[in-house]
Amino acid sequence: MGYIPGSEKVLFIKTGQGGSIYGYENKYLDLALRFNEKYGFSVFVSATVEDDKNAFDRDMLVLDKVFVNQSYQIYYLGVSKGGLIGMWHGSENEKIVKMVTINAPLMINYHSKTRPAIERLGDKLWMVVGSLDPSYDYTPFLKGRANVKIIKGADHNLVGSEESLFDI
């Protein structure tokens, strides 16, 4: 886990499966630094490890220890499987005030876990989906359930479209 100190507003970035806290060409580090400098956020970046069912709870415990006796708000940014983890496990977390997912694999357990989580999150969920990502086919099911931003021509990694994240 990586950490950049700032205010009690926390940007929590959960990477895609197998991703490092730095990301491809340091994309997570760049995002972390930009949000810290521009908005004063404290930023945590946590890598997603395959089949770690307790990762979300463990990450939340770390935040509680860093901000012991302080109130803090979480702005969650989940990339790919990190977005799915956030929806599934964070939909009832009161500290999460806004959640942005980027190309979360919506087809995984859509009816049993993903759709109910999307419905619980409601307006605090923003979903960014590239038109070339496999989850794009699920965007019609999201109408009225979540805020959706489609990035035309963007693939699963949003290569070349990272700036669009600052418009959400």
N, C-alpha and C. Protein backbone atom coordinates (compact mmCIF):
# COMPACT_ATOMS: atom_id res chain seq x y z
N MET A 1 0.85 -1.17 0.00
CA MET A 1 0.00 0.00 0.00
C MET A 1 0.89 1.23 0.00
N GLY A 2 0.52 2.21 -0.80
CA GLY A 2 1.24 3.48 -0.83
C GLY A 2 0.39 4.58 -0.22
N TYR A 3 1.03 5.59 0.35
CA TYR A 3 0.32 6.65 1.06
C TYR A 3 0.99 7.99 0.83
N ILE A 4 0.19 9.01 0.51
CA ILE A 4 0.64 10.39 0.43
C ILE A 4 -0.23 11.18 1.40
N PRO A 5 0.34 11.80 2.43
CA PRO A 5 -0.48 12.51 3.41
C PRO A 5 -1.09 13.79 2.84
N GLY A 6 -2.24 14.13 3.39
CA GLY A 6 -2.95 15.34 3.00
C GLY A 6 -4.05 15.61 4.01
N SER A 7 -5.22 15.96 3.53
CA SER A 7 -6.34 16.30 4.40
C SER A 7 -7.10 15.06 4.85
N GLU A 8 -8.24 15.30 5.52
CA GLU A 8 -9.11 14.19 5.95
C GLU A 8 -10.02 13.72 4.83
N LYS A 9 -9.88 14.31 3.66
CA LYS A 9 -10.53 13.77 2.46
C LYS A 9 -9.53 12.81 1.85
N VAL A 10 -9.96 11.56 1.71
CA VAL A 10 -9.06 10.50 1.28
C VAL A 10 -9.45 10.01 -0.10
N LEU A 11 -8.51 10.04 -1.02
CA LEU A 11 -8.69 9.37 -2.31
C LEU A 11 -8.09 7.99 -2.13
N PHE A 12 -8.93 6.97 -2.24
CA PHE A 12 -8.47 5.59 -2.09
C PHE A 12 -8.51 4.94 -3.47
N ILE A 13 -7.35 4.60 -4.00
CA ILE A 13 -7.25 3.98 -5.32
C ILE A 13 -6.99 2.49 -5.13
N LYS A 14 -7.89 1.68 -5.68
CA LYS A 14 -7.73 0.21 -5.66
C LYS A 14 -7.43 -0.20 -7.09
N THR A 15 -6.28 -0.83 -7.28
CA THR A 15 -5.82 -1.18 -8.63
C THR A 15 -6.57 -2.37 -9.20
N GLY A 16 -6.36 -2.61 -10.45
CA GLY A 16 -6.85 -3.82 -11.08
C GLY A 16 -6.04 -5.02 -10.61
N GLN A 17 -6.57 -6.19 -10.84
CA GLN A 17 -5.90 -7.42 -10.38
C GLN A 17 -4.49 -7.52 -10.95
N GLY A 18 -3.56 -7.80 -10.08
CA GLY A 18 -2.17 -7.97 -10.50
C GLY A 18 -1.43 -6.66 -10.72
N GLY A 19 -2.12 -5.53 -10.56
CA GLY A 19 -1.47 -4.24 -10.75
C GLY A 19 -0.65 -3.85 -9.53
N SER A 20 0.37 -3.05 -9.76
CA SER A 20 1.18 -2.55 -8.65
C SER A 20 0.60 -1.22 -8.17
N ILE A 21 1.11 -0.73 -7.06
CA ILE A 21 0.62 0.56 -6.58
C ILE A 21 1.07 1.71 -7.48
N TYR A 22 2.00 1.45 -8.37
CA TYR A 22 2.47 2.47 -9.30
C TYR A 22 1.65 2.48 -10.59
N GLY A 23 1.26 1.31 -11.06
CA GLY A 23 0.50 1.22 -12.30
C GLY A 23 1.39 1.31 -13.53
N TYR A 24 0.79 1.03 -14.67
CA TYR A 24 1.50 1.08 -15.94
C TYR A 24 2.01 2.50 -16.16
N GLU A 25 3.30 2.63 -16.37
CA GLU A 25 3.97 3.91 -16.57
C GLU A 25 3.64 4.90 -15.45
N ASN A 26 3.56 4.39 -14.23
CA ASN A 26 3.31 5.19 -13.02
C ASN A 26 1.97 5.92 -13.02
N LYS A 27 0.95 5.36 -13.69
CA LYS A 27 -0.32 6.08 -13.79
C LYS A 27 -0.99 6.31 -12.44
N TYR A 28 -0.89 5.35 -11.51
CA TYR A 28 -1.51 5.56 -10.19
C TYR A 28 -0.74 6.59 -9.38
N LEU A 29 0.57 6.54 -9.46
CA LEU A 29 1.39 7.53 -8.77
C LEU A 29 1.10 8.92 -9.31
N ASP A 30 1.01 9.05 -10.63
CA ASP A 30 0.69 10.35 -11.23
C ASP A 30 -0.67 10.86 -10.78
N LEU A 31 -1.69 9.97 -10.79
CA LEU A 31 -3.03 10.37 -10.32
C LEU A 31 -2.97 10.79 -8.86
N ALA A 32 -2.28 10.01 -8.04
CA ALA A 32 -2.19 10.30 -6.61
C ALA A 32 -1.57 11.68 -6.38
N LEU A 33 -0.48 11.96 -7.05
CA LEU A 33 0.19 13.24 -6.88
C LEU A 33 -0.68 14.39 -7.36
N ARG A 34 -1.36 14.21 -8.47
CA ARG A 34 -2.21 15.28 -9.00
C ARG A 34 -3.38 15.58 -8.08
N PHE A 35 -4.04 14.53 -7.55
CA PHE A 35 -5.16 14.77 -6.64
C PHE A 35 -4.67 15.37 -5.32
N ASN A 36 -3.51 14.97 -4.87
CA ASN A 36 -2.96 15.52 -3.65
C ASN A 36 -2.63 17.00 -3.83
N GLU A 37 -1.98 17.33 -4.93
CA GLU A 37 -1.59 18.72 -5.18
C GLU A 37 -2.78 19.62 -5.49
N LYS A 38 -3.70 19.12 -6.31
CA LYS A 38 -4.83 19.95 -6.76
C LYS A 38 -5.91 20.11 -5.69
N TYR A 39 -6.21 19.04 -4.93
CA TYR A 39 -7.33 19.07 -4.00
C TYR A 39 -6.92 18.87 -2.54
N GLY A 40 -5.66 18.57 -2.27
CA GLY A 40 -5.19 18.37 -0.91
C GLY A 40 -5.56 17.02 -0.30
N PHE A 41 -6.06 16.11 -1.11
CA PHE A 41 -6.43 14.78 -0.62
C PHE A 41 -5.25 14.04 -0.02
N SER A 42 -5.51 13.26 1.02
CA SER A 42 -4.60 12.18 1.38
C SER A 42 -4.88 11.09 0.37
N VAL A 43 -3.87 10.40 -0.09
CA VAL A 43 -4.08 9.39 -1.12
C VAL A 43 -3.48 8.06 -0.67
N PHE A 44 -4.31 7.02 -0.77
CA PHE A 44 -3.86 5.65 -0.52
C PHE A 44 -4.02 4.89 -1.82
N VAL A 45 -3.04 4.07 -2.15
CA VAL A 45 -3.15 3.20 -3.32
C VAL A 45 -2.89 1.78 -2.82
N SER A 46 -3.81 0.89 -3.14
CA SER A 46 -3.69 -0.50 -2.71
C SER A 46 -3.80 -1.42 -3.91
N ALA A 47 -2.85 -2.33 -4.04
CA ALA A 47 -2.85 -3.29 -5.14
C ALA A 47 -3.88 -4.38 -4.89
N THR A 48 -4.46 -4.89 -5.95
CA THR A 48 -5.42 -5.99 -5.86
C THR A 48 -4.70 -7.30 -6.14
N VAL A 49 -4.72 -8.15 -5.14
CA VAL A 49 -4.08 -9.46 -5.23
C VAL A 49 -5.16 -10.49 -5.53
N GLU A 50 -4.86 -11.45 -6.37
CA GLU A 50 -5.83 -12.46 -6.76
C GLU A 50 -6.37 -13.21 -5.55
N ASP A 51 -7.68 -13.37 -5.51
CA ASP A 51 -8.39 -14.17 -4.50
C ASP A 51 -8.11 -13.76 -3.06
N ASP A 52 -7.91 -12.48 -2.79
CA ASP A 52 -7.74 -12.00 -1.42
C ASP A 52 -9.10 -11.45 -0.97
N LYS A 53 -9.90 -12.29 -0.36
CA LYS A 53 -11.28 -11.94 -0.01
C LYS A 53 -11.37 -10.94 1.14
N ASN A 54 -10.31 -10.74 1.89
CA ASN A 54 -10.33 -9.83 3.03
C ASN A 54 -9.63 -8.50 2.75
N ALA A 55 -9.22 -8.27 1.53
CA ALA A 55 -8.42 -7.09 1.20
C ALA A 55 -9.15 -5.79 1.52
N PHE A 56 -10.42 -5.69 1.17
CA PHE A 56 -11.15 -4.44 1.38
C PHE A 56 -11.22 -4.12 2.88
N ASP A 57 -11.58 -5.10 3.69
CA ASP A 57 -11.67 -4.88 5.13
C ASP A 57 -10.32 -4.51 5.71
N ARG A 58 -9.27 -5.14 5.25
CA ARG A 58 -7.92 -4.84 5.72
C ARG A 58 -7.52 -3.42 5.33
N ASP A 59 -7.85 -3.02 4.11
CA ASP A 59 -7.55 -1.66 3.67
C ASP A 59 -8.28 -0.64 4.54
N MET A 60 -9.55 -0.92 4.88
CA MET A 60 -10.31 0.00 5.71
C MET A 60 -9.73 0.08 7.13
N LEU A 61 -9.20 -1.02 7.63
CA LEU A 61 -8.54 -1.00 8.95
C LEU A 61 -7.30 -0.12 8.94
N VAL A 62 -6.56 -0.16 7.84
CA VAL A 62 -5.38 0.70 7.72
C VAL A 62 -5.81 2.16 7.77
N LEU A 63 -6.86 2.52 7.03
CA LEU A 63 -7.33 3.91 7.06
C LEU A 63 -7.76 4.31 8.47
N ASP A 64 -8.47 3.43 9.15
CA ASP A 64 -8.90 3.73 10.53
C ASP A 64 -7.69 3.96 11.45
N LYS A 65 -6.61 3.24 11.23
CA LYS A 65 -5.41 3.41 12.07
C LYS A 65 -4.68 4.70 11.74
N VAL A 66 -4.65 5.07 10.47
CA VAL A 66 -3.98 6.32 10.09
C VAL A 66 -4.77 7.52 10.60
N PHE A 67 -6.09 7.44 10.52
CA PHE A 67 -6.94 8.56 10.92
C PHE A 67 -7.62 8.32 12.27
N VAL A 68 -6.92 7.65 13.18
CA VAL A 68 -7.49 7.32 14.48
C VAL A 68 -7.97 8.61 15.17
N ASN A 69 -9.18 8.54 15.72
CA ASN A 69 -9.82 9.66 16.41
C ASN A 69 -10.07 10.86 15.50
N GLN A 70 -10.13 10.65 14.21
CA GLN A 70 -10.43 11.72 13.27
C GLN A 70 -11.57 11.26 12.37
N SER A 71 -12.37 12.21 11.96
CA SER A 71 -13.37 11.86 10.96
C SER A 71 -12.72 12.04 9.59
N TYR A 72 -13.03 11.17 8.69
CA TYR A 72 -12.49 11.27 7.34
C TYR A 72 -13.52 10.76 6.35
N GLN A 73 -13.38 11.22 5.12
CA GLN A 73 -14.28 10.81 4.04
C GLN A 73 -13.44 10.12 2.97
N ILE A 74 -14.03 9.09 2.36
CA ILE A 74 -13.33 8.34 1.33
C ILE A 74 -13.96 8.62 -0.04
N TYR A 75 -13.10 8.98 -0.96
CA TYR A 75 -13.46 9.06 -2.37
C TYR A 75 -12.74 7.87 -3.01
N TYR A 76 -13.51 6.87 -3.39
CA TYR A 76 -12.96 5.59 -3.83
C TYR A 76 -12.82 5.61 -5.35
N LEU A 77 -11.65 5.22 -5.84
CA LEU A 77 -11.41 5.08 -7.27
C LEU A 77 -10.94 3.66 -7.51
N GLY A 78 -11.78 2.83 -8.10
CA GLY A 78 -11.46 1.44 -8.34
C GLY A 78 -11.28 1.16 -9.82
N VAL A 79 -10.16 0.57 -10.15
CA VAL A 79 -9.83 0.28 -11.54
C VAL A 79 -10.04 -1.21 -11.80
N SER A 80 -10.83 -1.54 -12.81
CA SER A 80 -11.10 -2.91 -13.21
C SER A 80 -11.60 -3.71 -12.00
N LYS A 81 -10.90 -4.77 -11.60
CA LYS A 81 -11.37 -5.56 -10.47
C LYS A 81 -11.40 -4.75 -9.17
N GLY A 82 -10.55 -3.74 -9.07
CA GLY A 82 -10.58 -2.85 -7.90
C GLY A 82 -11.91 -2.11 -7.82
N GLY A 83 -12.52 -1.81 -8.97
CA GLY A 83 -13.85 -1.19 -8.98
C GLY A 83 -14.92 -2.15 -8.51
N LEU A 84 -14.81 -3.38 -8.98
CA LEU A 84 -15.76 -4.42 -8.58
C LEU A 84 -15.68 -4.68 -7.07
N ILE A 85 -14.47 -4.77 -6.55
CA ILE A 85 -14.28 -4.96 -5.11
C ILE A 85 -14.92 -3.82 -4.33
N GLY A 86 -14.71 -2.61 -4.80
CA GLY A 86 -15.30 -1.45 -4.13
C GLY A 86 -16.81 -1.50 -4.11
N MET A 87 -17.40 -1.83 -5.25
CA MET A 87 -18.86 -1.90 -5.31
C MET A 87 -19.39 -2.98 -4.37
N TRP A 88 -18.81 -4.15 -4.44
CA TRP A 88 -19.29 -5.28 -3.64
C TRP A 88 -19.14 -5.04 -2.14
N HIS A 89 -17.98 -4.53 -1.72
CA HIS A 89 -17.68 -4.44 -0.30
C HIS A 89 -17.87 -3.04 0.28
N GLY A 90 -17.90 -2.03 -0.56
CA GLY A 90 -18.00 -0.67 -0.06
C GLY A 90 -19.36 -0.04 -0.18
N SER A 91 -20.31 -0.78 -0.74
CA SER A 91 -21.62 -0.18 -0.98
C SER A 91 -22.37 0.17 0.30
N GLU A 92 -21.96 -0.39 1.41
CA GLU A 92 -22.61 -0.07 2.68
C GLU A 92 -21.67 0.65 3.64
N ASN A 93 -20.52 1.07 3.17
CA ASN A 93 -19.55 1.77 4.00
C ASN A 93 -19.91 3.26 4.01
N GLU A 94 -20.28 3.77 5.18
CA GLU A 94 -20.75 5.15 5.30
C GLU A 94 -19.66 6.18 5.08
N LYS A 95 -18.40 5.80 5.20
CA LYS A 95 -17.31 6.75 5.00
C LYS A 95 -17.06 7.04 3.52
N ILE A 96 -17.55 6.16 2.65
CA ILE A 96 -17.39 6.38 1.21
C ILE A 96 -18.47 7.35 0.75
N VAL A 97 -18.03 8.54 0.33
CA VAL A 97 -18.98 9.56 -0.10
C VAL A 97 -19.15 9.59 -1.61
N LYS A 98 -18.15 9.08 -2.31
CA LYS A 98 -18.23 9.00 -3.77
C LYS A 98 -17.37 7.84 -4.22
N MET A 99 -17.86 7.09 -5.20
CA MET A 99 -17.11 5.97 -5.75
C MET A 99 -17.08 6.11 -7.27
N VAL A 100 -15.89 6.01 -7.81
CA VAL A 100 -15.71 6.03 -9.26
C VAL A 100 -15.08 4.70 -9.64
N THR A 101 -15.70 4.00 -10.56
CA THR A 101 -15.11 2.77 -11.06
C THR A 101 -14.69 2.99 -12.51
N ILE A 102 -13.60 2.39 -12.88
CA ILE A 102 -13.10 2.49 -14.25
C ILE A 102 -13.08 1.10 -14.84
N ASN A 103 -13.92 0.89 -15.83
CA ASN A 103 -14.00 -0.39 -16.53
C ASN A 103 -14.07 -1.59 -15.59
N ALA A 104 -14.93 -1.48 -14.58
CA ALA A 104 -15.16 -2.61 -13.69
C ALA A 104 -15.78 -3.75 -14.52
N PRO A 105 -15.36 -4.98 -14.31
CA PRO A 105 -15.90 -6.11 -15.09
C PRO A 105 -17.33 -6.44 -14.63
N LEU A 106 -18.28 -5.74 -15.19
CA LEU A 106 -19.68 -5.84 -14.76
C LEU A 106 -20.29 -7.21 -14.96
N MET A 107 -19.74 -7.99 -15.86
CA MET A 107 -20.32 -9.30 -16.16
C MET A 107 -20.07 -10.33 -15.06
N ILE A 108 -19.19 -10.03 -14.11
CA ILE A 108 -18.89 -10.98 -13.04
C ILE A 108 -19.98 -10.88 -11.96
N ASN A 109 -20.68 -11.96 -11.76
CA ASN A 109 -21.76 -12.03 -10.76
C ASN A 109 -22.73 -10.86 -10.88
N TYR A 110 -23.08 -10.50 -12.10
CA TYR A 110 -23.90 -9.30 -12.32
C TYR A 110 -25.21 -9.34 -11.53
N HIS A 111 -25.96 -10.43 -11.67
CA HIS A 111 -27.29 -10.47 -11.04
C HIS A 111 -27.23 -10.66 -9.53
N SER A 112 -26.28 -11.44 -9.04
CA SER A 112 -26.27 -11.76 -7.61
C SER A 112 -25.52 -10.74 -6.75
N LYS A 113 -24.46 -10.11 -7.28
CA LYS A 113 -23.66 -9.21 -6.45
C LYS A 113 -23.49 -7.82 -7.04
N THR A 114 -23.21 -7.74 -8.33
CA THR A 114 -22.86 -6.45 -8.93
C THR A 114 -24.06 -5.52 -9.03
N ARG A 115 -25.16 -5.98 -9.61
CA ARG A 115 -26.33 -5.11 -9.75
C ARG A 115 -26.87 -4.65 -8.40
N PRO A 116 -27.02 -5.55 -7.40
CA PRO A 116 -27.49 -5.07 -6.09
C PRO A 116 -26.55 -4.02 -5.47
N ALA A 117 -25.24 -4.17 -5.65
CA ALA A 117 -24.30 -3.19 -5.12
C ALA A 117 -24.46 -1.86 -5.84
N ILE A 118 -24.64 -1.89 -7.15
CA ILE A 118 -24.85 -0.67 -7.92
C ILE A 118 -26.11 0.04 -7.42
N GLU A 119 -27.16 -0.72 -7.17
CA GLU A 119 -28.41 -0.12 -6.70
C GLU A 119 -28.26 0.48 -5.31
N ARG A 120 -27.49 -0.16 -4.42
CA ARG A 120 -27.27 0.38 -3.08
C ARG A 120 -26.47 1.68 -3.13
N LEU A 121 -25.48 1.74 -4.02
CA LEU A 121 -24.64 2.93 -4.12
C LEU A 121 -25.40 4.12 -4.71
N GLY A 122 -26.27 3.87 -5.66
CA GLY A 122 -27.08 4.93 -6.24
C GLY A 122 -26.27 6.09 -6.77
N ASP A 123 -26.64 7.31 -6.36
CA ASP A 123 -26.02 8.53 -6.89
C ASP A 123 -24.57 8.74 -6.50
N LYS A 124 -24.08 8.02 -5.49
CA LYS A 124 -22.68 8.24 -5.15
C LYS A 124 -21.74 7.41 -6.03
N LEU A 125 -22.31 6.65 -6.97
CA LEU A 125 -21.50 5.83 -7.88
C LEU A 125 -21.41 6.49 -9.26
N TRP A 126 -20.19 6.62 -9.71
CA TRP A 126 -19.90 7.07 -11.08
C TRP A 126 -19.11 5.96 -11.75
N MET A 127 -19.55 5.56 -12.92
CA MET A 127 -18.88 4.48 -13.64
C MET A 127 -18.31 5.03 -14.95
N VAL A 128 -17.03 4.84 -15.12
CA VAL A 128 -16.36 5.24 -16.35
C VAL A 128 -16.14 3.96 -17.15
N VAL A 129 -16.62 3.97 -18.39
CA VAL A 129 -16.53 2.78 -19.23
C VAL A 129 -16.02 3.20 -20.61
N GLY A 130 -14.96 2.56 -21.05
CA GLY A 130 -14.47 2.79 -22.40
C GLY A 130 -15.35 2.07 -23.41
N SER A 131 -15.59 2.68 -24.54
CA SER A 131 -16.47 2.06 -25.54
C SER A 131 -15.87 0.79 -26.13
N LEU A 132 -14.58 0.56 -25.94
CA LEU A 132 -13.93 -0.65 -26.44
C LEU A 132 -13.73 -1.70 -25.34
N ASP A 133 -14.22 -1.42 -24.14
CA ASP A 133 -14.10 -2.35 -23.02
C ASP A 133 -15.25 -3.35 -23.06
N PRO A 134 -15.04 -4.62 -22.64
CA PRO A 134 -16.12 -5.60 -22.64
C PRO A 134 -17.33 -5.18 -21.79
N SER A 135 -17.13 -4.40 -20.75
CA SER A 135 -18.26 -3.97 -19.91
C SER A 135 -19.16 -2.95 -20.60
N TYR A 136 -18.69 -2.40 -21.70
CA TYR A 136 -19.51 -1.43 -22.44
C TYR A 136 -20.87 -2.04 -22.81
N ASP A 137 -20.89 -3.33 -23.09
CA ASP A 137 -22.15 -3.99 -23.47
C ASP A 137 -23.17 -3.98 -22.33
N TYR A 138 -22.73 -3.75 -21.11
CA TYR A 138 -23.63 -3.72 -19.95
C TYR A 138 -24.17 -2.33 -19.64
N THR A 139 -23.67 -1.30 -20.31
CA THR A 139 -24.09 0.06 -19.98
C THR A 139 -25.59 0.31 -20.14
N PRO A 140 -26.31 -0.34 -21.06
CA PRO A 140 -27.76 -0.11 -21.10
C PRO A 140 -28.46 -0.53 -19.80
N PHE A 141 -27.91 -1.51 -19.09
CA PHE A 141 -28.51 -1.97 -17.83
C PHE A 141 -28.28 -0.98 -16.69
N LEU A 142 -27.39 -0.02 -16.90
CA LEU A 142 -27.04 0.91 -15.83
C LEU A 142 -27.93 2.15 -15.81
N LYS A 143 -28.71 2.37 -16.85
CA LYS A 143 -29.57 3.56 -16.92
C LYS A 143 -30.46 3.64 -15.70
N GLY A 144 -30.45 4.79 -15.05
CA GLY A 144 -31.26 5.01 -13.87
C GLY A 144 -30.71 4.38 -12.61
N ARG A 145 -29.61 3.65 -12.72
CA ARG A 145 -29.02 2.99 -11.54
C ARG A 145 -27.72 3.64 -11.11
N ALA A 146 -26.99 4.24 -12.03
CA ALA A 146 -25.68 4.83 -11.72
C ALA A 146 -25.39 5.94 -12.71
N ASN A 147 -24.48 6.80 -12.33
CA ASN A 147 -23.99 7.83 -13.23
C ASN A 147 -22.93 7.16 -14.10
N VAL A 148 -23.08 7.29 -15.40
CA VAL A 148 -22.17 6.59 -16.32
C VAL A 148 -21.54 7.60 -17.27
N LYS A 149 -20.22 7.48 -17.41
CA LYS A 149 -19.51 8.28 -18.39
C LYS A 149 -18.83 7.32 -19.35
N ILE A 150 -19.22 7.39 -20.61
CA ILE A 150 -18.63 6.54 -21.65
C ILE A 150 -17.56 7.34 -22.36
N ILE A 151 -16.39 6.74 -22.48
CA ILE A 151 -15.30 7.40 -23.19
C ILE A 151 -15.13 6.70 -24.52
N LYS A 152 -15.52 7.38 -25.56
CA LYS A 152 -15.47 6.81 -26.91
C LYS A 152 -14.03 6.52 -27.33
N GLY A 153 -13.84 5.33 -27.88
CA GLY A 153 -12.53 4.93 -28.39
C GLY A 153 -11.55 4.46 -27.32
N ALA A 154 -11.98 4.45 -26.06
CA ALA A 154 -11.07 4.04 -24.98
C ALA A 154 -11.17 2.54 -24.74
N ASP A 155 -10.01 1.93 -24.50
CA ASP A 155 -9.96 0.50 -24.23
C ASP A 155 -10.03 0.25 -22.72
N HIS A 156 -9.78 -0.97 -22.30
CA HIS A 156 -9.87 -1.32 -20.88
C HIS A 156 -8.91 -0.51 -20.01
N ASN A 157 -7.76 -0.16 -20.53
CA ASN A 157 -6.74 0.56 -19.76
C ASN A 157 -6.85 2.08 -19.86
N LEU A 158 -7.80 2.58 -20.64
CA LEU A 158 -7.99 4.02 -20.85
C LEU A 158 -6.73 4.72 -21.31
N VAL A 159 -5.85 4.00 -21.97
CA VAL A 159 -4.60 4.59 -22.43
C VAL A 159 -4.91 5.81 -23.29
N GLY A 160 -4.32 6.93 -22.93
CA GLY A 160 -4.53 8.18 -23.65
C GLY A 160 -5.78 8.94 -23.22
N SER A 161 -6.57 8.37 -22.32
CA SER A 161 -7.81 9.02 -21.89
C SER A 161 -7.80 9.35 -20.39
N GLU A 162 -6.66 9.28 -19.75
CA GLU A 162 -6.58 9.49 -18.30
C GLU A 162 -7.08 10.86 -17.87
N GLU A 163 -6.89 11.87 -18.71
CA GLU A 163 -7.33 13.23 -18.36
C GLU A 163 -8.84 13.29 -18.12
N SER A 164 -9.58 12.41 -18.75
CA SER A 164 -11.04 12.43 -18.60
C SER A 164 -11.47 12.13 -17.16
N LEU A 165 -10.60 11.56 -16.35
CA LEU A 165 -10.93 11.26 -14.96
C LEU A 165 -11.08 12.52 -14.12
N PHE A 166 -10.48 13.61 -14.56
CA PHE A 166 -10.56 14.86 -13.80
C PHE A 166 -11.85 15.62 -14.08
N ASP A 167 -12.67 15.12 -15.00
CA ASP A 167 -13.94 15.76 -15.33
C ASP A 167 -15.12 15.16 -14.59
N ILE A 168 -14.88 14.22 -13.71
CA ILE A 168 -15.98 13.52 -13.04
C ILE A 168 -16.36 14.25 -11.76
